[in-house]
PDB file of N, CA and C in Angstrom:
ATOM      1  N   UNK A   1     -26.282 -12.482  -3.654  1.00  0.00           N
ATOM      2  CA  UNK A   1     -24.895 -12.107  -3.841  1.00  0.00           C
ATOM      3  C   UNK A   1     -24.069 -12.572  -2.641  1.00  0.00           C
ATOM      4  N   UNK A   2     -22.908 -13.081  -2.900  1.00  0.00           N
ATOM      5  CA  UNK A   2     -22.063 -13.572  -1.823  1.00  0.00           C
ATOM      6  C   UNK A   2     -20.890 -12.653  -1.529  1.00  0.00           C
ATOM      7  N   UNK A   3     -20.895 -11.467  -2.105  1.00  0.00           N
ATOM      8  CA  UNK A   3     -19.811 -10.534  -1.842  1.00  0.00           C
ATOM      9  C   UNK A   3     -19.770 -10.237  -0.354  1.00  0.00           C
ATOM     10  N   UNK A   4     -18.600 -10.311   0.218  1.00  0.00           N
ATOM     11  CA  UNK A   4     -18.423 -10.081   1.644  1.00  0.00           C
ATOM     12  C   UNK A   4     -17.811  -8.709   1.869  1.00  0.00           C
ATOM     13  N   UNK A   5     -17.833  -8.302   3.118  1.00  0.00           N
ATOM     14  CA  UNK A   5     -17.140  -7.083   3.512  1.00  0.00           C
ATOM     15  C   UNK A   5     -15.668  -7.222   3.148  1.00  0.00           C
ATOM     16  N   UNK A   6     -15.126  -6.197   2.498  1.00  0.00           N
ATOM     17  CA  UNK A   6     -13.722  -6.239   2.089  1.00  0.00           C
ATOM     18  C   UNK A   6     -13.004  -5.029   2.665  1.00  0.00           C
ATOM     19  N   UNK A   7     -11.861  -5.284   3.310  1.00  0.00           N
ATOM     20  CA  UNK A   7     -11.041  -4.222   3.882  1.00  0.00           C
ATOM     21  C   UNK A   7      -9.712  -4.144   3.148  1.00  0.00           C
ATOM     22  N   UNK A   8      -9.298  -2.922   2.851  1.00  0.00           N
ATOM     23  CA  UNK A   8      -7.995  -2.684   2.220  1.00  0.00           C
ATOM     24  C   UNK A   8      -7.296  -1.578   2.994  1.00  0.00           C
ATOM     25  N   UNK A   9      -6.001  -1.698   3.125  1.00  0.00           N
ATOM     26  CA  UNK A   9      -5.221  -0.686   3.835  1.00  0.00           C
ATOM     27  C   UNK A   9      -4.281  -0.010   2.850  1.00  0.00           C
ATOM     28  N   UNK A  10      -4.248   1.306   2.921  1.00  0.00           N
ATOM     29  CA  UNK A  10      -3.355   2.103   2.076  1.00  0.00           C
ATOM     30  C   UNK A  10      -2.400   2.838   3.003  1.00  0.00           C
ATOM     31  N   UNK A  11      -1.122   2.470   2.936  1.00  0.00           N
ATOM     32  CA  UNK A  11      -0.096   3.131   3.735  1.00  0.00           C
ATOM     33  C   UNK A  11       1.001   3.579   2.782  1.00  0.00           C
ATOM     34  N   UNK A  12       1.058   4.879   2.546  1.00  0.00           N
ATOM     35  CA  UNK A  12       2.039   5.409   1.607  1.00  0.00           C
ATOM     36  C   UNK A  12       2.057   6.926   1.694  1.00  0.00           C
ATOM     37  N   UNK A  13       3.214   7.515   1.503  1.00  0.00           N
ATOM     38  CA  UNK A  13       3.377   8.971   1.396  1.00  0.00           C
ATOM     39  C   UNK A  13       2.701   9.740   2.534  1.00  0.00           C
ATOM     40  N   UNK A  14       2.826   9.231   3.745  1.00  0.00           N
ATOM     41  CA  UNK A  14       2.247   9.914   4.890  1.00  0.00           C
ATOM     42  C   UNK A  14       0.774   9.645   5.111  1.00  0.00           C
ATOM     43  N   UNK A  15       0.170   8.781   4.314  1.00  0.00           N
ATOM     44  CA  UNK A  15      -1.236   8.425   4.481  1.00  0.00           C
ATOM     45  C   UNK A  15      -1.331   7.043   5.109  1.00  0.00           C
ATOM     46  N   UNK A  16      -2.344   6.857   5.932  1.00  0.00           N
ATOM     47  CA  UNK A  16      -2.650   5.549   6.504  1.00  0.00           C
ATOM     48  C   UNK A  16      -4.161   5.437   6.565  1.00  0.00           C
ATOM     49  N   UNK A  17      -4.753   4.888   5.505  1.00  0.00           N
ATOM     50  CA  UNK A  17      -6.204   4.785   5.383  1.00  0.00           C
ATOM     51  C   UNK A  17      -6.630   3.326   5.315  1.00  0.00           C
ATOM     52  N   UNK A  18      -7.792   3.045   5.880  1.00  0.00           N
ATOM     53  CA  UNK A  18      -8.443   1.754   5.716  1.00  0.00           C
ATOM     54  C   UNK A  18      -9.717   1.989   4.929  1.00  0.00           C
ATOM     55  N   UNK A  19      -9.866   1.256   3.829  1.00  0.00           N
ATOM     56  CA  UNK A  19     -11.050   1.339   2.979  1.00  0.00           C
ATOM     57  C   UNK A  19     -11.888   0.101   3.250  1.00  0.00           C
ATOM     58  N   UNK A  20     -13.130   0.301   3.654  1.00  0.00           N
ATOM     59  CA  UNK A  20     -14.028  -0.807   3.972  1.00  0.00           C
ATOM     60  C   UNK A  20     -15.183  -0.789   2.969  1.00  0.00           C
ATOM     61  N   UNK A  21     -15.215  -1.809   2.109  1.00  0.00           N
ATOM     62  CA  UNK A  21     -16.260  -1.942   1.094  1.00  0.00           C
ATOM     63  C   UNK A  21     -17.313  -2.920   1.591  1.00  0.00           C
ATOM     64  N   UNK A  22     -18.559  -2.467   1.653  1.00  0.00           N
ATOM     65  CA  UNK A  22     -19.679  -3.288   2.124  1.00  0.00           C
ATOM     66  C   UNK A  22     -20.372  -3.953   0.942  1.00  0.00           C
ATOM     67  N   UNK A  23     -21.021  -5.091   1.180  1.00  0.00           N
ATOM     68  CA  UNK A  23     -21.689  -5.816   0.086  1.00  0.00           C
ATOM     69  C   UNK A  23     -22.732  -4.988  -0.669  1.00  0.00           C
ATOM     70  N   UNK A  24     -23.326  -3.983  -0.019  1.00  0.00           N
ATOM     71  CA  UNK A  24     -24.340  -3.170  -0.700  1.00  0.00           C
ATOM     72  C   UNK A  24     -23.728  -2.071  -1.565  1.00  0.00           C
ATOM     73  N   UNK A  25     -22.397  -1.996  -1.621  1.00  0.00           N
ATOM     74  CA  UNK A  25     -21.728  -1.033  -2.484  1.00  0.00           C
ATOM     75  C   UNK A  25     -21.234   0.220  -1.782  1.00  0.00           C
ATOM     76  N   UNK A  26     -21.603   0.397  -0.526  1.00  0.00           N
ATOM     77  CA  UNK A  26     -21.118   1.580   0.193  1.00  0.00           C
ATOM     78  C   UNK A  26     -19.685   1.361   0.648  1.00  0.00           C
ATOM     79  N   UNK A  27     -19.024   2.451   0.956  1.00  0.00           N
ATOM     80  CA  UNK A  27     -17.642   2.385   1.412  1.00  0.00           C
ATOM     81  C   UNK A  27     -17.456   3.333   2.590  1.00  0.00           C
ATOM     82  N   UNK A  28     -16.630   2.912   3.532  1.00  0.00           N
ATOM     83  CA  UNK A  28     -16.222   3.763   4.638  1.00  0.00           C
ATOM     84  C   UNK A  28     -14.705   3.863   4.587  1.00  0.00           C
ATOM     85  N   UNK A  29     -14.194   5.076   4.717  1.00  0.00           N
ATOM     86  CA  UNK A  29     -12.753   5.290   4.675  1.00  0.00           C
ATOM     87  C   UNK A  29     -12.324   5.843   6.026  1.00  0.00           C
ATOM     88  N   UNK A  30     -11.400   5.156   6.675  1.00  0.00           N
ATOM     89  CA  UNK A  30     -10.898   5.572   7.974  1.00  0.00           C
ATOM     90  C   UNK A  30      -9.482   6.105   7.838  1.00  0.00           C
ATOM     91  N   UNK A  31      -9.230   7.240   8.453  1.00  0.00           N
ATOM     92  CA  UNK A  31      -7.877   7.762   8.575  1.00  0.00           C
ATOM     93  C   UNK A  31      -7.340   7.172   9.871  1.00  0.00           C
ATOM     94  N   UNK A  32      -6.441   6.211   9.764  1.00  0.00           N
ATOM     95  CA  UNK A  32      -5.941   5.505  10.940  1.00  0.00           C
ATOM     96  C   UNK A  32      -5.076   6.394  11.831  1.00  0.00           C
ATOM     97  N   UNK A  33      -4.513   7.454  11.299  1.00  0.00           N
ATOM     98  CA  UNK A  33      -3.680   8.356  12.096  1.00  0.00           C
ATOM     99  C   UNK A  33      -4.517   9.216  13.034  1.00  0.00           C
ATOM    100  N   UNK A  34      -5.720   9.598  12.585  1.00  0.00           N
ATOM    101  CA  UNK A  34      -6.568  10.486  13.384  1.00  0.00           C
ATOM    102  C   UNK A  34      -7.828   9.810  13.910  1.00  0.00           C
ATOM    103  N   UNK A  35      -8.035   8.545  13.559  1.00  0.00           N
ATOM    104  CA  UNK A  35      -9.242   7.803  13.940  1.00  0.00           C
ATOM    105  C   UNK A  35     -10.519   8.519  13.510  1.00  0.00           C
ATOM    106  N   UNK A  36     -10.492   9.085  12.324  1.00  0.00           N
ATOM    107  CA  UNK A  36     -11.672   9.766  11.797  1.00  0.00           C
ATOM    108  C   UNK A  36     -12.024   9.176  10.433  1.00  0.00           C
ATOM    109  N   UNK A  37     -13.236   9.469   9.984  1.00  0.00           N
ATOM    110  CA  UNK A  37     -13.656   8.988   8.667  1.00  0.00           C
ATOM    111  C   UNK A  37     -13.422  10.076   7.632  1.00  0.00           C
ATOM    112  N   UNK A  38     -13.205   9.632   6.413  1.00  0.00           N
ATOM    113  CA  UNK A  38     -12.936  10.514   5.277  1.00  0.00           C
ATOM    114  C   UNK A  38     -14.006  10.228   4.226  1.00  0.00           C
ATOM    115  N   UNK A  39     -14.503  11.263   3.581  1.00  0.00           N
ATOM    116  CA  UNK A  39     -15.429  11.069   2.459  1.00  0.00           C
ATOM    117  C   UNK A  39     -14.602  10.882   1.188  1.00  0.00           C
ATOM    118  N   UNK A  40     -15.094  10.075   0.247  1.00  0.00           N
ATOM    119  CA  UNK A  40     -14.332   9.865  -0.990  1.00  0.00           C
ATOM    120  C   UNK A  40     -13.968  11.161  -1.710  1.00  0.00           C
ATOM    121  N   UNK A  41     -14.825  12.161  -1.669  1.00  0.00           N
ATOM    122  CA  UNK A  41     -14.514  13.411  -2.374  1.00  0.00           C
ATOM    123  C   UNK A  41     -13.389  14.197  -1.705  1.00  0.00           C
ATOM    124  N   UNK A  42     -12.980  13.801  -0.505  1.00  0.00           N
ATOM    125  CA  UNK A  42     -11.862  14.448   0.173  1.00  0.00           C
ATOM    126  C   UNK A  42     -10.514  13.849  -0.229  1.00  0.00           C
ATOM    127  N   UNK A  43     -10.545  12.742  -0.960  1.00  0.00           N
ATOM    128  CA  UNK A  43      -9.307  12.080  -1.372  1.00  0.00           C
ATOM    129  C   UNK A  43      -8.686  12.792  -2.565  1.00  0.00           C
ATOM    130  N   UNK A  44      -7.366  12.702  -2.656  1.00  0.00           N
ATOM    131  CA  UNK A  44      -6.658  13.217  -3.828  1.00  0.00           C
ATOM    132  C   UNK A  44      -5.362  12.435  -3.990  1.00  0.00           C
ATOM    133  N   UNK A  45      -4.793  12.517  -5.158  1.00  0.00           N
ATOM    134  CA  UNK A  45      -3.511  11.877  -5.420  1.00  0.00           C
ATOM    135  C   UNK A  45      -3.555  10.365  -5.317  1.00  0.00           C
ATOM    136  N   UNK A  46      -2.517   9.805  -4.692  1.00  0.00           N
ATOM    137  CA  UNK A  46      -2.373   8.353  -4.600  1.00  0.00           C
ATOM    138  C   UNK A  46      -3.533   7.670  -3.867  1.00  0.00           C
ATOM    139  N   UNK A  47      -4.033   8.227  -2.755  1.00  0.00           N
ATOM    140  CA  UNK A  47      -5.176   7.566  -2.098  1.00  0.00           C
ATOM    141  C   UNK A  47      -6.425   7.527  -2.985  1.00  0.00           C
ATOM    142  N   UNK A  48      -6.654   8.571  -3.768  1.00  0.00           N
ATOM    143  CA  UNK A  48      -7.793   8.591  -4.684  1.00  0.00           C
ATOM    144  C   UNK A  48      -7.625   7.538  -5.772  1.00  0.00           C
ATOM    145  N   UNK A  49      -6.433   7.408  -6.303  1.00  0.00           N
ATOM    146  CA  UNK A  49      -6.145   6.394  -7.321  1.00  0.00           C
ATOM    147  C   UNK A  49      -6.370   4.990  -6.755  1.00  0.00           C
ATOM    148  N   UNK A  50      -5.882   4.752  -5.545  1.00  0.00           N
ATOM    149  CA  UNK A  50      -6.067   3.465  -4.878  1.00  0.00           C
ATOM    150  C   UNK A  50      -7.553   3.168  -4.704  1.00  0.00           C
ATOM    151  N   UNK A  51      -8.309   4.151  -4.221  1.00  0.00           N
ATOM    152  CA  UNK A  51      -9.746   3.990  -4.014  1.00  0.00           C
ATOM    153  C   UNK A  51     -10.464   3.669  -5.326  1.00  0.00           C
ATOM    154  N   UNK A  52     -10.141   4.409  -6.375  1.00  0.00           N
ATOM    155  CA  UNK A  52     -10.798   4.199  -7.669  1.00  0.00           C
ATOM    156  C   UNK A  52     -10.537   2.792  -8.196  1.00  0.00           C
ATOM    157  N   UNK A  53      -9.319   2.330  -8.092  1.00  0.00           N
ATOM    158  CA  UNK A  53      -8.980   0.981  -8.574  1.00  0.00           C
ATOM    159  C   UNK A  53      -9.694  -0.091  -7.776  1.00  0.00           C
ATOM    160  N   UNK A  54      -9.761   0.061  -6.466  1.00  0.00           N
ATOM    161  CA  UNK A  54     -10.444  -0.924  -5.624  1.00  0.00           C
ATOM    162  C   UNK A  54     -11.945  -0.896  -5.863  1.00  0.00           C
ATOM    163  N   UNK A  55     -12.518   0.274  -6.077  1.00  0.00           N
ATOM    164  CA  UNK A  55     -13.953   0.385  -6.344  1.00  0.00           C
ATOM    165  C   UNK A  55     -14.298  -0.293  -7.672  1.00  0.00           C
ATOM    166  N   UNK A  56     -13.478  -0.074  -8.694  1.00  0.00           N
ATOM    167  CA  UNK A  56     -13.689  -0.734  -9.986  1.00  0.00           C
ATOM    168  C   UNK A  56     -13.591  -2.248  -9.830  1.00  0.00           C
ATOM    169  N   UNK A  57     -12.601  -2.714  -9.088  1.00  0.00           N
ATOM    170  CA  UNK A  57     -12.441  -4.149  -8.842  1.00  0.00           C
ATOM    171  C   UNK A  57     -13.671  -4.692  -8.109  1.00  0.00           C
ATOM    172  N   UNK A  58     -14.175  -3.969  -7.138  1.00  0.00           N
ATOM    173  CA  UNK A  58     -15.351  -4.386  -6.383  1.00  0.00           C
ATOM    174  C   UNK A  58     -16.570  -4.508  -7.301  1.00  0.00           C
ATOM    175  N   UNK A  59     -16.771  -3.522  -8.160  1.00  0.00           N
ATOM    176  CA  UNK A  59     -17.908  -3.530  -9.089  1.00  0.00           C
ATOM    177  C   UNK A  59     -17.786  -4.703 -10.070  1.00  0.00           C
ATOM    178  N   UNK A  60     -16.594  -4.933 -10.600  1.00  0.00           N
ATOM    179  CA  UNK A  60     -16.387  -6.057 -11.518  1.00  0.00           C
ATOM    180  C   UNK A  60     -16.733  -7.379 -10.844  1.00  0.00           C
ATOM    181  N   UNK A  61     -16.293  -7.548  -9.606  1.00  0.00           N
ATOM    182  CA  UNK A  61     -16.579  -8.791  -8.884  1.00  0.00           C
ATOM    183  C   UNK A  61     -18.076  -8.974  -8.664  1.00  0.00           C
ATOM    184  N   UNK A  62     -18.779  -7.902  -8.355  1.00  0.00           N
ATOM    185  CA  UNK A  62     -20.232  -7.994  -8.184  1.00  0.00           C
ATOM    186  C   UNK A  62     -20.918  -8.373  -9.488  1.00  0.00           C
ATOM    187  N   UNK A  63     -20.453  -7.827 -10.607  1.00  0.00           N
ATOM    188  CA  UNK A  63     -21.029  -8.164 -11.906  1.00  0.00           C
ATOM    189  C   UNK A  63     -20.773  -9.620 -12.274  1.00  0.00           C
ATOM    190  N   UNK A  64     -19.577 -10.101 -11.974  1.00  0.00           N
ATOM    191  CA  UNK A  64     -19.243 -11.511 -12.241  1.00  0.00           C
ATOM    192  C   UNK A  64     -20.153 -12.415 -11.419  1.00  0.00           C
ATOM    193  N   UNK A  65     -20.346 -12.081 -10.148  1.00  0.00           N
ATOM    194  CA  UNK A  65     -21.229 -12.877  -9.292  1.00  0.00           C
ATOM    195  C   UNK A  65     -22.667 -12.861  -9.795  1.00  0.00           C
ATOM    196  N   UNK A  66     -23.122 -11.696 -10.251  1.00  0.00           N
ATOM    197  CA  UNK A  66     -24.486 -11.575 -10.768  1.00  0.00           C
ATOM    198  C   UNK A  66     -24.663 -12.445 -12.011  1.00  0.00           C
ATOM    199  N   UNK A  67     -23.665 -12.457 -12.879  1.00  0.00           N
ATOM    200  CA  UNK A  67     -23.741 -13.286 -14.093  1.00  0.00           C
ATOM    201  C   UNK A  67     -23.749 -14.771 -13.755  1.00  0.00           C
ATOM    202  N   UNK A  68     -22.965 -15.149 -12.749  1.00  0.00           N
ATOM    203  CA  UNK A  68     -22.950 -16.554 -12.338  1.00  0.00           C
ATOM    204  C   UNK A  68     -24.287 -16.971 -11.749  1.00  0.00           C
ATOM    205  N   UNK A  69     -24.877 -16.084 -10.976  1.00  0.00           N
ATOM    206  CA  UNK A  69     -26.187 -16.379 -10.369  1.00  0.00           C
ATOM    207  C   UNK A  69     -27.262 -16.510 -11.439  1.00  0.00           C
ATOM    208  N   UNK A  70     -27.211 -15.645 -12.445  1.00  0.00           N
ATOM    209  CA  UNK A  70     -28.210 -15.671 -13.510  1.00  0.00           C
ATOM    210  C   UNK A  70     -28.045 -16.907 -14.391  1.00  0.00           C
ATOM    211  N   UNK A  71     -26.797 -17.334 -14.589  1.00  0.00           N
ATOM    212  CA  UNK A  71     -26.553 -18.487 -15.465  1.00  0.00           C
ATOM    213  C   UNK A  71     -26.826 -19.818 -14.751  1.00  0.00           C
ATOM    214  N   UNK A  72     -26.681 -19.819 -13.436  1.00  0.00           N
ATOM    215  CA  UNK A  72     -26.796 -21.086 -12.735  1.00  0.00           C
ATOM    216  C   UNK A  72     -28.020 -21.225 -12.011  1.00  0.00           C
TER     217      UNK A  72
END
């Protein structure tokens, strides 16, 4: 798999989070205001929606890569 580390920043409604998606599927969420990590289950509202959409996009990309590897 060639999926690389992917970083996304969410800045909205008083939140400033960095979402770091690793090639193995794990994610680290940083609260940039407090320099602390957040667990996904601690998210709610807009940050949770952002996380869910990015996670789905990440999974889709991994599946596309897997299909390309299997076909080629």
